[in-house]
Full PDB file with SEQRES, HELIX, SHEET, SSBOND, CRYST1, ORIGX, SCALE, CONECT and MASTER records, all heavy atoms in Angstrom:
SEQRES   1 A   32  LEU ILE ALA ALA VAL LEU ALA THR ASN ASN GLU ASP THR          
SEQRES   2 A   32  ILE ALA THR PHE ALA GLY HIS LEU LYS THR ILE ASP THR          
SEQRES   3 A   32  GLU ARG ALA GLY ALA ASP                                      
HELIX    1 AA1 ILE A    2  ALA A    7  1                                   6    
HELIX    2 AA2 GLU A   11  LEU A   21  1                                  11    
HELIX    3 AA3 GLU A   27  ALA A   31  1                                   5    
CRYST1    1.000    1.000    1.000  90.00  90.00  90.00 P 1           1          
ORIGX1      1.000000  0.000000  0.000000        0.00000                         
ORIGX2      0.000000  1.000000  0.000000        0.00000                         
ORIGX3      0.000000  0.000000  1.000000        0.00000                         
SCALE1      1.000000  0.000000  0.000000        0.00000                         
SCALE2      0.000000  1.000000  0.000000        0.00000                         
SCALE3      0.000000  0.000000  1.000000        0.00000                         
ATOM      1  N   LEU A   1    -238.597 -45.226 -87.380  1.00  0.00           N  
ATOM      2  CA  LEU A   1    -239.903 -45.537 -86.789  1.00  0.00           C  
ATOM      3  C   LEU A   1    -241.014 -45.352 -87.820  1.00  0.00           C  
ATOM      4  O   LEU A   1    -241.909 -46.202 -87.935  1.00  0.00           O  
ATOM      5  CB  LEU A   1    -240.157 -44.646 -85.571  1.00  0.00           C  
ATOM      6  CG  LEU A   1    -239.402 -45.004 -84.300  1.00  0.00           C  
ATOM      7  CD1 LEU A   1    -239.469 -43.852 -83.301  1.00  0.00           C  
ATOM      8  CD2 LEU A   1    -239.958 -46.273 -83.665  1.00  0.00           C  
ATOM      9  N   ILE A   2    -240.965 -44.268 -88.573  1.00  0.00           N  
ATOM     10  CA  ILE A   2    -241.988 -44.034 -89.599  1.00  0.00           C  
ATOM     11  C   ILE A   2    -241.941 -45.130 -90.654  1.00  0.00           C  
ATOM     12  O   ILE A   2    -242.986 -45.632 -91.101  1.00  0.00           O  
ATOM     13  CB  ILE A   2    -241.785 -42.645 -90.255  1.00  0.00           C  
ATOM     14  CG1 ILE A   2    -241.977 -41.523 -89.229  1.00  0.00           C  
ATOM     15  CG2 ILE A   2    -242.739 -42.470 -91.418  1.00  0.00           C  
ATOM     16  CD1 ILE A   2    -243.340 -41.512 -88.571  1.00  0.00           C  
ATOM     17  N   ALA A   3    -240.742 -45.527 -91.039  1.00  0.00           N  
ATOM     18  CA  ALA A   3    -240.601 -46.619 -92.017  1.00  0.00           C  
ATOM     19  C   ALA A   3    -241.197 -47.907 -91.488  1.00  0.00           C  
ATOM     20  O   ALA A   3    -241.837 -48.668 -92.233  1.00  0.00           O  
ATOM     21  CB  ALA A   3    -239.121 -46.818 -92.359  1.00  0.00           C  
ATOM     22  N   ALA A   4    -241.012 -48.157 -90.184  1.00  0.00           N  
ATOM     23  CA  ALA A   4    -241.565 -49.367 -89.565  1.00  0.00           C  
ATOM     24  C   ALA A   4    -243.093 -49.323 -89.529  1.00  0.00           C  
ATOM     25  O   ALA A   4    -243.755 -50.341 -89.701  1.00  0.00           O  
ATOM     26  CB  ALA A   4    -240.995 -49.551 -88.163  1.00  0.00           C  
ATOM     27  N   VAL A   5    -243.625 -48.146 -89.289  1.00  0.00           N  
ATOM     28  CA  VAL A   5    -245.096 -47.990 -89.293  1.00  0.00           C  
ATOM     29  C   VAL A   5    -245.649 -48.293 -90.679  1.00  0.00           C  
ATOM     30  O   VAL A   5    -246.612 -49.044 -90.840  1.00  0.00           O  
ATOM     31  CB  VAL A   5    -245.503 -46.556 -88.866  1.00  0.00           C  
ATOM     32  CG1 VAL A   5    -247.003 -46.360 -89.043  1.00  0.00           C  
ATOM     33  CG2 VAL A   5    -245.109 -46.289 -87.410  1.00  0.00           C  
ATOM     34  N   LEU A   6    -245.029 -47.723 -91.701  1.00  0.00           N  
ATOM     35  CA  LEU A   6    -245.480 -47.964 -93.068  1.00  0.00           C  
ATOM     36  C   LEU A   6    -245.348 -49.426 -93.464  1.00  0.00           C  
ATOM     37  O   LEU A   6    -246.185 -49.969 -94.188  1.00  0.00           O  
ATOM     38  CB  LEU A   6    -244.665 -47.102 -94.032  1.00  0.00           C  
ATOM     39  CG  LEU A   6    -244.955 -45.595 -93.990  1.00  0.00           C  
ATOM     40  CD1 LEU A   6    -243.927 -44.815 -94.788  1.00  0.00           C  
ATOM     41  CD2 LEU A   6    -246.364 -45.300 -94.511  1.00  0.00           C  
ATOM     42  N   ALA A   7    -244.311 -50.082 -92.942  1.00  0.00           N  
ATOM     43  CA  ALA A   7    -244.049 -51.486 -93.289  1.00  0.00           C  
ATOM     44  C   ALA A   7    -245.108 -52.434 -92.744  1.00  0.00           C  
ATOM     45  O   ALA A   7    -245.231 -53.557 -93.208  1.00  0.00           O  
ATOM     46  CB  ALA A   7    -242.668 -51.903 -92.802  1.00  0.00           C  
ATOM     47  N   THR A   8    -245.884 -51.977 -91.747  1.00  0.00           N  
ATOM     48  CA  THR A   8    -246.913 -52.865 -91.188  1.00  0.00           C  
ATOM     49  C   THR A   8    -248.036 -53.134 -92.201  1.00  0.00           C  
ATOM     50  O   THR A   8    -248.721 -54.152 -92.117  1.00  0.00           O  
ATOM     51  CB  THR A   8    -247.548 -52.261 -89.930  1.00  0.00           C  
ATOM     52  OG1 THR A   8    -248.270 -51.073 -90.258  1.00  0.00           O  
ATOM     53  CG2 THR A   8    -246.491 -51.958 -88.871  1.00  0.00           C  
ATOM     54  N   ASN A   9    -248.246 -52.178 -93.132  1.00  0.00           N  
ATOM     55  CA  ASN A   9    -249.377 -52.296 -94.069  1.00  0.00           C  
ATOM     56  C   ASN A   9    -250.693 -52.491 -93.322  1.00  0.00           C  
ATOM     57  O   ASN A   9    -251.634 -53.119 -93.844  1.00  0.00           O  
ATOM     58  CB  ASN A   9    -249.169 -53.452 -95.057  1.00  0.00           C  
ATOM     59  CG  ASN A   9    -248.156 -53.103 -96.135  1.00  0.00           C  
ATOM     60  OD1 ASN A   9    -248.048 -51.943 -96.544  1.00  0.00           O  
ATOM     61  ND2 ASN A   9    -247.401 -54.078 -96.567  1.00  0.00           N  
ATOM     62  N   ASN A  10    -250.761 -51.952 -92.113  1.00  0.00           N  
ATOM     63  CA  ASN A  10    -251.957 -52.100 -91.291  1.00  0.00           C  
ATOM     64  C   ASN A  10    -252.620 -50.734 -91.126  1.00  0.00           C  
ATOM     65  O   ASN A  10    -252.029 -49.814 -90.558  1.00  0.00           O  
ATOM     66  CB  ASN A  10    -251.575 -52.678 -89.911  1.00  0.00           C  
ATOM     67  CG  ASN A  10    -252.787 -52.947 -89.047  1.00  0.00           C  
ATOM     68  OD1 ASN A  10    -253.483 -52.027 -88.655  1.00  0.00           O  
ATOM     69  ND2 ASN A  10    -253.021 -54.214 -88.728  1.00  0.00           N  
ATOM     70  N   GLU A  11    -253.815 -50.602 -91.689  1.00  0.00           N  
ATOM     71  CA  GLU A  11    -254.480 -49.303 -91.702  1.00  0.00           C  
ATOM     72  C   GLU A  11    -254.710 -48.742 -90.305  1.00  0.00           C  
ATOM     73  O   GLU A  11    -254.570 -47.536 -90.076  1.00  0.00           O  
ATOM     74  CB  GLU A  11    -255.796 -49.410 -92.473  1.00  0.00           C  
ATOM     75  CG  GLU A  11    -255.607 -49.685 -93.957  1.00  0.00           C  
ATOM     76  CD  GLU A  11    -256.929 -49.820 -94.688  1.00  0.00           C  
ATOM     77  OE1 GLU A  11    -257.970 -49.564 -94.061  1.00  0.00           O  
ATOM     78  OE2 GLU A  11    -256.913 -50.186 -95.869  1.00  0.00           O  
ATOM     79  N   ASP A  12    -255.067 -49.588 -89.363  1.00  0.00           N  
ATOM     80  CA  ASP A  12    -255.333 -49.135 -88.000  1.00  0.00           C  
ATOM     81  C   ASP A  12    -254.045 -48.614 -87.354  1.00  0.00           C  
ATOM     82  O   ASP A  12    -254.031 -47.576 -86.711  1.00  0.00           O  
ATOM     83  CB  ASP A  12    -255.930 -50.265 -87.170  1.00  0.00           C  
ATOM     84  CG  ASP A  12    -256.223 -49.830 -85.738  1.00  0.00           C  
ATOM     85  OD1 ASP A  12    -257.059 -48.933 -85.570  1.00  0.00           O  
ATOM     86  OD2 ASP A  12    -255.588 -50.361 -84.803  1.00  0.00           O  
ATOM     87  N   THR A  13    -252.942 -49.362 -87.518  1.00  0.00           N  
ATOM     88  CA  THR A  13    -251.662 -48.941 -86.952  1.00  0.00           C  
ATOM     89  C   THR A  13    -251.196 -47.633 -87.568  1.00  0.00           C  
ATOM     90  O   THR A  13    -250.772 -46.702 -86.865  1.00  0.00           O  
ATOM     91  CB  THR A  13    -250.588 -50.036 -87.175  1.00  0.00           C  
ATOM     92  OG1 THR A  13    -250.976 -51.226 -86.495  1.00  0.00           O  
ATOM     93  CG2 THR A  13    -249.233 -49.591 -86.633  1.00  0.00           C  
ATOM     94  N   ILE A  14    -251.278 -47.539 -88.885  1.00  0.00           N  
ATOM     95  CA  ILE A  14    -250.866 -46.314 -89.580  1.00  0.00           C  
ATOM     96  C   ILE A  14    -251.697 -45.127 -89.113  1.00  0.00           C  
ATOM     97  O   ILE A  14    -251.174 -44.035 -88.853  1.00  0.00           O  
ATOM     98  CB  ILE A  14    -250.946 -46.497 -91.102  1.00  0.00           C  
ATOM     99  CG1 ILE A  14    -249.891 -47.511 -91.569  1.00  0.00           C  
ATOM    100  CG2 ILE A  14    -250.757 -45.168 -91.834  1.00  0.00           C  
ATOM    101  CD1 ILE A  14    -249.994 -47.907 -93.026  1.00  0.00           C  
ATOM    102  N   ALA A  15    -253.011 -45.318 -88.979  1.00  0.00           N  
ATOM    103  CA  ALA A  15    -253.892 -44.237 -88.549  1.00  0.00           C  
ATOM    104  C   ALA A  15    -253.586 -43.807 -87.124  1.00  0.00           C  
ATOM    105  O   ALA A  15    -253.647 -42.607 -86.787  1.00  0.00           O  
ATOM    106  CB  ALA A  15    -255.353 -44.683 -88.676  1.00  0.00           C  
ATOM    107  N   THR A  16    -253.246 -44.777 -86.256  1.00  0.00           N  
ATOM    108  CA  THR A  16    -252.928 -44.447 -84.873  1.00  0.00           C  
ATOM    109  C   THR A  16    -251.707 -43.547 -84.797  1.00  0.00           C  
ATOM    110  O   THR A  16    -251.711 -42.523 -84.094  1.00  0.00           O  
ATOM    111  CB  THR A  16    -252.655 -45.741 -84.070  1.00  0.00           C  
ATOM    112  OG1 THR A  16    -253.866 -46.509 -83.998  1.00  0.00           O  
ATOM    113  CG2 THR A  16    -252.199 -45.419 -82.659  1.00  0.00           C  
ATOM    114  N   PHE A  17    -250.653 -43.904 -85.515  1.00  0.00           N  
ATOM    115  CA  PHE A  17    -249.443 -43.085 -85.453  1.00  0.00           C  
ATOM    116  C   PHE A  17    -249.604 -41.775 -86.208  1.00  0.00           C  
ATOM    117  O   PHE A  17    -249.024 -40.756 -85.806  1.00  0.00           O  
ATOM    118  CB  PHE A  17    -248.256 -43.893 -85.986  1.00  0.00           C  
ATOM    119  CG  PHE A  17    -247.729 -44.895 -85.008  1.00  0.00           C  
ATOM    120  CD1 PHE A  17    -248.107 -46.226 -85.073  1.00  0.00           C  
ATOM    121  CD2 PHE A  17    -246.872 -44.515 -83.995  1.00  0.00           C  
ATOM    122  CE1 PHE A  17    -247.647 -47.151 -84.150  1.00  0.00           C  
ATOM    123  CE2 PHE A  17    -246.402 -45.416 -83.062  1.00  0.00           C  
ATOM    124  CZ  PHE A  17    -246.783 -46.744 -83.133  1.00  0.00           C  
ATOM    125  N   ALA A  18    -250.384 -41.763 -87.276  1.00  0.00           N  
ATOM    126  CA  ALA A  18    -250.648 -40.514 -87.978  1.00  0.00           C  
ATOM    127  C   ALA A  18    -251.354 -39.527 -87.064  1.00  0.00           C  
ATOM    128  O   ALA A  18    -251.006 -38.340 -86.985  1.00  0.00           O  
ATOM    129  CB  ALA A  18    -251.481 -40.761 -89.237  1.00  0.00           C  
ATOM    130  N   GLY A  19    -252.359 -40.023 -86.332  1.00  0.00           N  
ATOM    131  CA  GLY A  19    -253.076 -39.174 -85.399  1.00  0.00           C  
ATOM    132  C   GLY A  19    -252.185 -38.679 -84.277  1.00  0.00           C  
ATOM    133  O   GLY A  19    -252.272 -37.521 -83.843  1.00  0.00           O  
ATOM    134  N   HIS A  20    -251.303 -39.565 -83.780  1.00  0.00           N  
ATOM    135  CA  HIS A  20    -250.419 -39.181 -82.690  1.00  0.00           C  
ATOM    136  C   HIS A  20    -249.410 -38.125 -83.136  1.00  0.00           C  
ATOM    137  O   HIS A  20    -249.097 -37.187 -82.386  1.00  0.00           O  
ATOM    138  CB  HIS A  20    -249.680 -40.413 -82.154  1.00  0.00           C  
ATOM    139  CG  HIS A  20    -248.820 -40.123 -80.967  1.00  0.00           C  
ATOM    140  ND1 HIS A  20    -249.332 -39.754 -79.749  1.00  0.00           N  
ATOM    141  CD2 HIS A  20    -247.457 -40.100 -80.817  1.00  0.00           C  
ATOM    142  CE1 HIS A  20    -248.362 -39.541 -78.890  1.00  0.00           C  
ATOM    143  NE2 HIS A  20    -247.210 -39.723 -79.523  1.00  0.00           N  
ATOM    144  N   LEU A  21    -248.906 -38.265 -84.341  1.00  0.00           N  
ATOM    145  CA  LEU A  21    -247.941 -37.287 -84.862  1.00  0.00           C  
ATOM    146  C   LEU A  21    -248.532 -35.889 -84.929  1.00  0.00           C  
ATOM    147  O   LEU A  21    -247.823 -34.887 -84.773  1.00  0.00           O  
ATOM    148  CB  LEU A  21    -247.429 -37.724 -86.238  1.00  0.00           C  
ATOM    149  CG  LEU A  21    -246.383 -38.833 -86.237  1.00  0.00           C  
ATOM    150  CD1 LEU A  21    -246.243 -39.409 -87.654  1.00  0.00           C  
ATOM    151  CD2 LEU A  21    -245.042 -38.339 -85.743  1.00  0.00           C  
ATOM    152  N   LYS A  22    -249.821 -35.798 -85.146  1.00  0.00           N  
ATOM    153  CA  LYS A  22    -250.486 -34.496 -85.224  1.00  0.00           C  
ATOM    154  C   LYS A  22    -250.474 -33.774 -83.879  1.00  0.00           C  
ATOM    155  O   LYS A  22    -250.645 -32.567 -83.823  1.00  0.00           O  
ATOM    156  CB  LYS A  22    -251.923 -34.674 -85.712  1.00  0.00           C  
ATOM    157  CG  LYS A  22    -251.999 -35.111 -87.171  1.00  0.00           C  
ATOM    158  CD  LYS A  22    -253.442 -35.328 -87.601  1.00  0.00           C  
ATOM    159  CE  LYS A  22    -253.506 -35.806 -89.053  1.00  0.00           C  
ATOM    160  NZ  LYS A  22    -254.913 -36.068 -89.484  1.00  0.00           N  
ATOM    161  N   THR A  23    -250.243 -34.524 -82.793  1.00  0.00           N  
ATOM    162  CA  THR A  23    -250.179 -33.897 -81.470  1.00  0.00           C  
ATOM    163  C   THR A  23    -248.776 -33.401 -81.150  1.00  0.00           C  
ATOM    164  O   THR A  23    -248.578 -32.727 -80.141  1.00  0.00           O  
ATOM    165  CB  THR A  23    -250.614 -34.891 -80.369  1.00  0.00           C  
ATOM    166  OG1 THR A  23    -249.624 -35.932 -80.235  1.00  0.00           O  
ATOM    167  CG2 THR A  23    -251.956 -35.528 -80.699  1.00  0.00           C  
ATOM    168  N   ILE A  24    -247.804 -33.743 -81.983  1.00  0.00           N  
ATOM    169  CA  ILE A  24    -246.422 -33.290 -81.790  1.00  0.00           C  
ATOM    170  C   ILE A  24    -246.236 -32.036 -82.648  1.00  0.00           C  
ATOM    171  O   ILE A  24    -246.261 -32.101 -83.879  1.00  0.00           O  
ATOM    172  CB  ILE A  24    -245.404 -34.375 -82.215  1.00  0.00           C  
ATOM    173  CG1 ILE A  24    -245.653 -35.658 -81.415  1.00  0.00           C  
ATOM    174  CG2 ILE A  24    -243.981 -33.879 -82.005  1.00  0.00           C  
ATOM    175  CD1 ILE A  24    -244.759 -36.813 -81.839  1.00  0.00           C  
ATOM    176  N   ASP A  25    -246.060 -30.923 -82.004  1.00  0.00           N  
ATOM    177  CA  ASP A  25    -246.086 -29.635 -82.695  1.00  0.00           C  
ATOM    178  C   ASP A  25    -244.753 -29.273 -83.317  1.00  0.00           C  
ATOM    179  O   ASP A  25    -244.065 -28.357 -82.881  1.00  0.00           O  
ATOM    180  CB  ASP A  25    -246.520 -28.536 -81.698  1.00  0.00           C  
ATOM    181  CG  ASP A  25    -246.809 -27.218 -82.401  1.00  0.00           C  
ATOM    182  OD1 ASP A  25    -247.052 -27.242 -83.623  1.00  0.00           O  
ATOM    183  OD2 ASP A  25    -246.789 -26.178 -81.713  1.00  0.00           O  
ATOM    184  N   THR A  26    -244.377 -30.038 -84.355  1.00  0.00           N  
ATOM    185  CA  THR A  26    -243.174 -29.713 -85.105  1.00  0.00           C  
ATOM    186  C   THR A  26    -243.480 -29.860 -86.596  1.00  0.00           C  
ATOM    187  O   THR A  26    -244.400 -30.600 -86.985  1.00  0.00           O  
ATOM    188  CB  THR A  26    -241.971 -30.626 -84.747  1.00  0.00           C  
ATOM    189  OG1 THR A  26    -242.260 -31.962 -85.199  1.00  0.00           O  
ATOM    190  CG2 THR A  26    -241.697 -30.621 -83.259  1.00  0.00           C  
ATOM    191  N   GLU A  27    -242.706 -29.174 -87.417  1.00  0.00           N  
ATOM    192  CA  GLU A  27    -242.912 -29.251 -88.863  1.00  0.00           C  
ATOM    193  C   GLU A  27    -242.654 -30.662 -89.385  1.00  0.00           C  
ATOM    194  O   GLU A  27    -243.396 -31.161 -90.235  1.00  0.00           O  
ATOM    195  CB  GLU A  27    -241.979 -28.262 -89.565  1.00  0.00           C  
ATOM    196  CG  GLU A  27    -242.190 -28.190 -91.067  1.00  0.00           C  
ATOM    197  CD  GLU A  27    -241.321 -27.142 -91.727  1.00  0.00           C  
ATOM    198  OE1 GLU A  27    -240.795 -26.261 -91.000  1.00  0.00           O  
ATOM    199  OE2 GLU A  27    -241.133 -27.211 -92.958  1.00  0.00           O  
ATOM    200  N   ARG A  28    -241.639 -31.321 -88.842  1.00  0.00           N  
ATOM    201  CA  ARG A  28    -241.301 -32.683 -89.292  1.00  0.00           C  
ATOM    202  C   ARG A  28    -242.426 -33.653 -88.942  1.00  0.00           C  
ATOM    203  O   ARG A  28    -242.804 -34.513 -89.746  1.00  0.00           O  
ATOM    204  CB  ARG A  28    -239.999 -33.138 -88.635  1.00  0.00           C  
ATOM    205  CG  ARG A  28    -239.561 -34.551 -89.020  1.00  0.00           C  
ATOM    206  CD  ARG A  28    -238.101 -34.811 -88.631  1.00  0.00           C  
ATOM    207  NE  ARG A  28    -237.897 -34.698 -87.190  1.00  0.00           N  
ATOM    208  CZ  ARG A  28    -237.990 -35.733 -86.340  1.00  0.00           C  
ATOM    209  NH1 ARG A  28    -238.285 -36.938 -86.811  1.00  0.00           N  
ATOM    210  NH2 ARG A  28    -237.793 -35.581 -85.064  1.00  0.00           N  
ATOM    211  N   ALA A  29    -242.977 -33.514 -87.731  1.00  0.00           N  
ATOM    212  CA  ALA A  29    -244.080 -34.402 -87.330  1.00  0.00           C  
ATOM    213  C   ALA A  29    -245.300 -34.189 -88.202  1.00  0.00           C  
ATOM    214  O   ALA A  29    -245.979 -35.140 -88.597  1.00  0.00           O  
ATOM    215  CB  ALA A  29    -244.420 -34.162 -85.863  1.00  0.00           C  
ATOM    216  N   GLY A  30    -245.574 -32.926 -88.548  1.00  0.00           N  
ATOM    217  CA  GLY A  30    -246.705 -32.637 -89.429  1.00  0.00           C  
ATOM    218  C   GLY A  30    -246.534 -33.277 -90.783  1.00  0.00           C  
ATOM    219  O   GLY A  30    -247.487 -33.829 -91.362  1.00  0.00           O  
ATOM    220  N   ALA A  31    -245.301 -33.198 -91.309  1.00  0.00           N  
ATOM    221  CA  ALA A  31    -245.026 -33.795 -92.618  1.00  0.00           C  
ATOM    222  C   ALA A  31    -245.154 -35.306 -92.572  1.00  0.00           C  
ATOM    223  O   ALA A  31    -245.700 -35.931 -93.489  1.00  0.00           O  
ATOM    224  CB  ALA A  31    -243.628 -33.385 -93.076  1.00  0.00           C  
ATOM    225  N   ASP A  32    -244.651 -35.917 -91.492  1.00  0.00           N  
ATOM    226  CA  ASP A  32    -244.741 -37.367 -91.370  1.00  0.00           C  
ATOM    227  C   ASP A  32    -246.181 -37.812 -91.157  1.00  0.00           C  
ATOM    228  O   ASP A  32    -246.593 -38.876 -91.653  1.00  0.00           O  
ATOM    229  CB  ASP A  32    -243.860 -37.856 -90.217  1.00  0.00           C  
ATOM    230  CG  ASP A  32    -242.385 -37.924 -90.598  1.00  0.00           C  
ATOM    231  OD1 ASP A  32    -242.101 -38.042 -91.791  1.00  0.00           O  
ATOM    232  OD2 ASP A  32    -241.530 -37.839 -89.691  1.00  0.00           O  
TER     233      ASP A  32                                                      
MASTER        0    0    0    3    0    0    0    6  232    1    0    3          
END                                                                             
């Protein structure tokens, strides 16, 4: 999923998922 997000090359899409990952309280999510 993370690879697919990066593959979009779309700043808005990447920012949306980056922000959402910050709400998932795990070390892996923070790193992603």
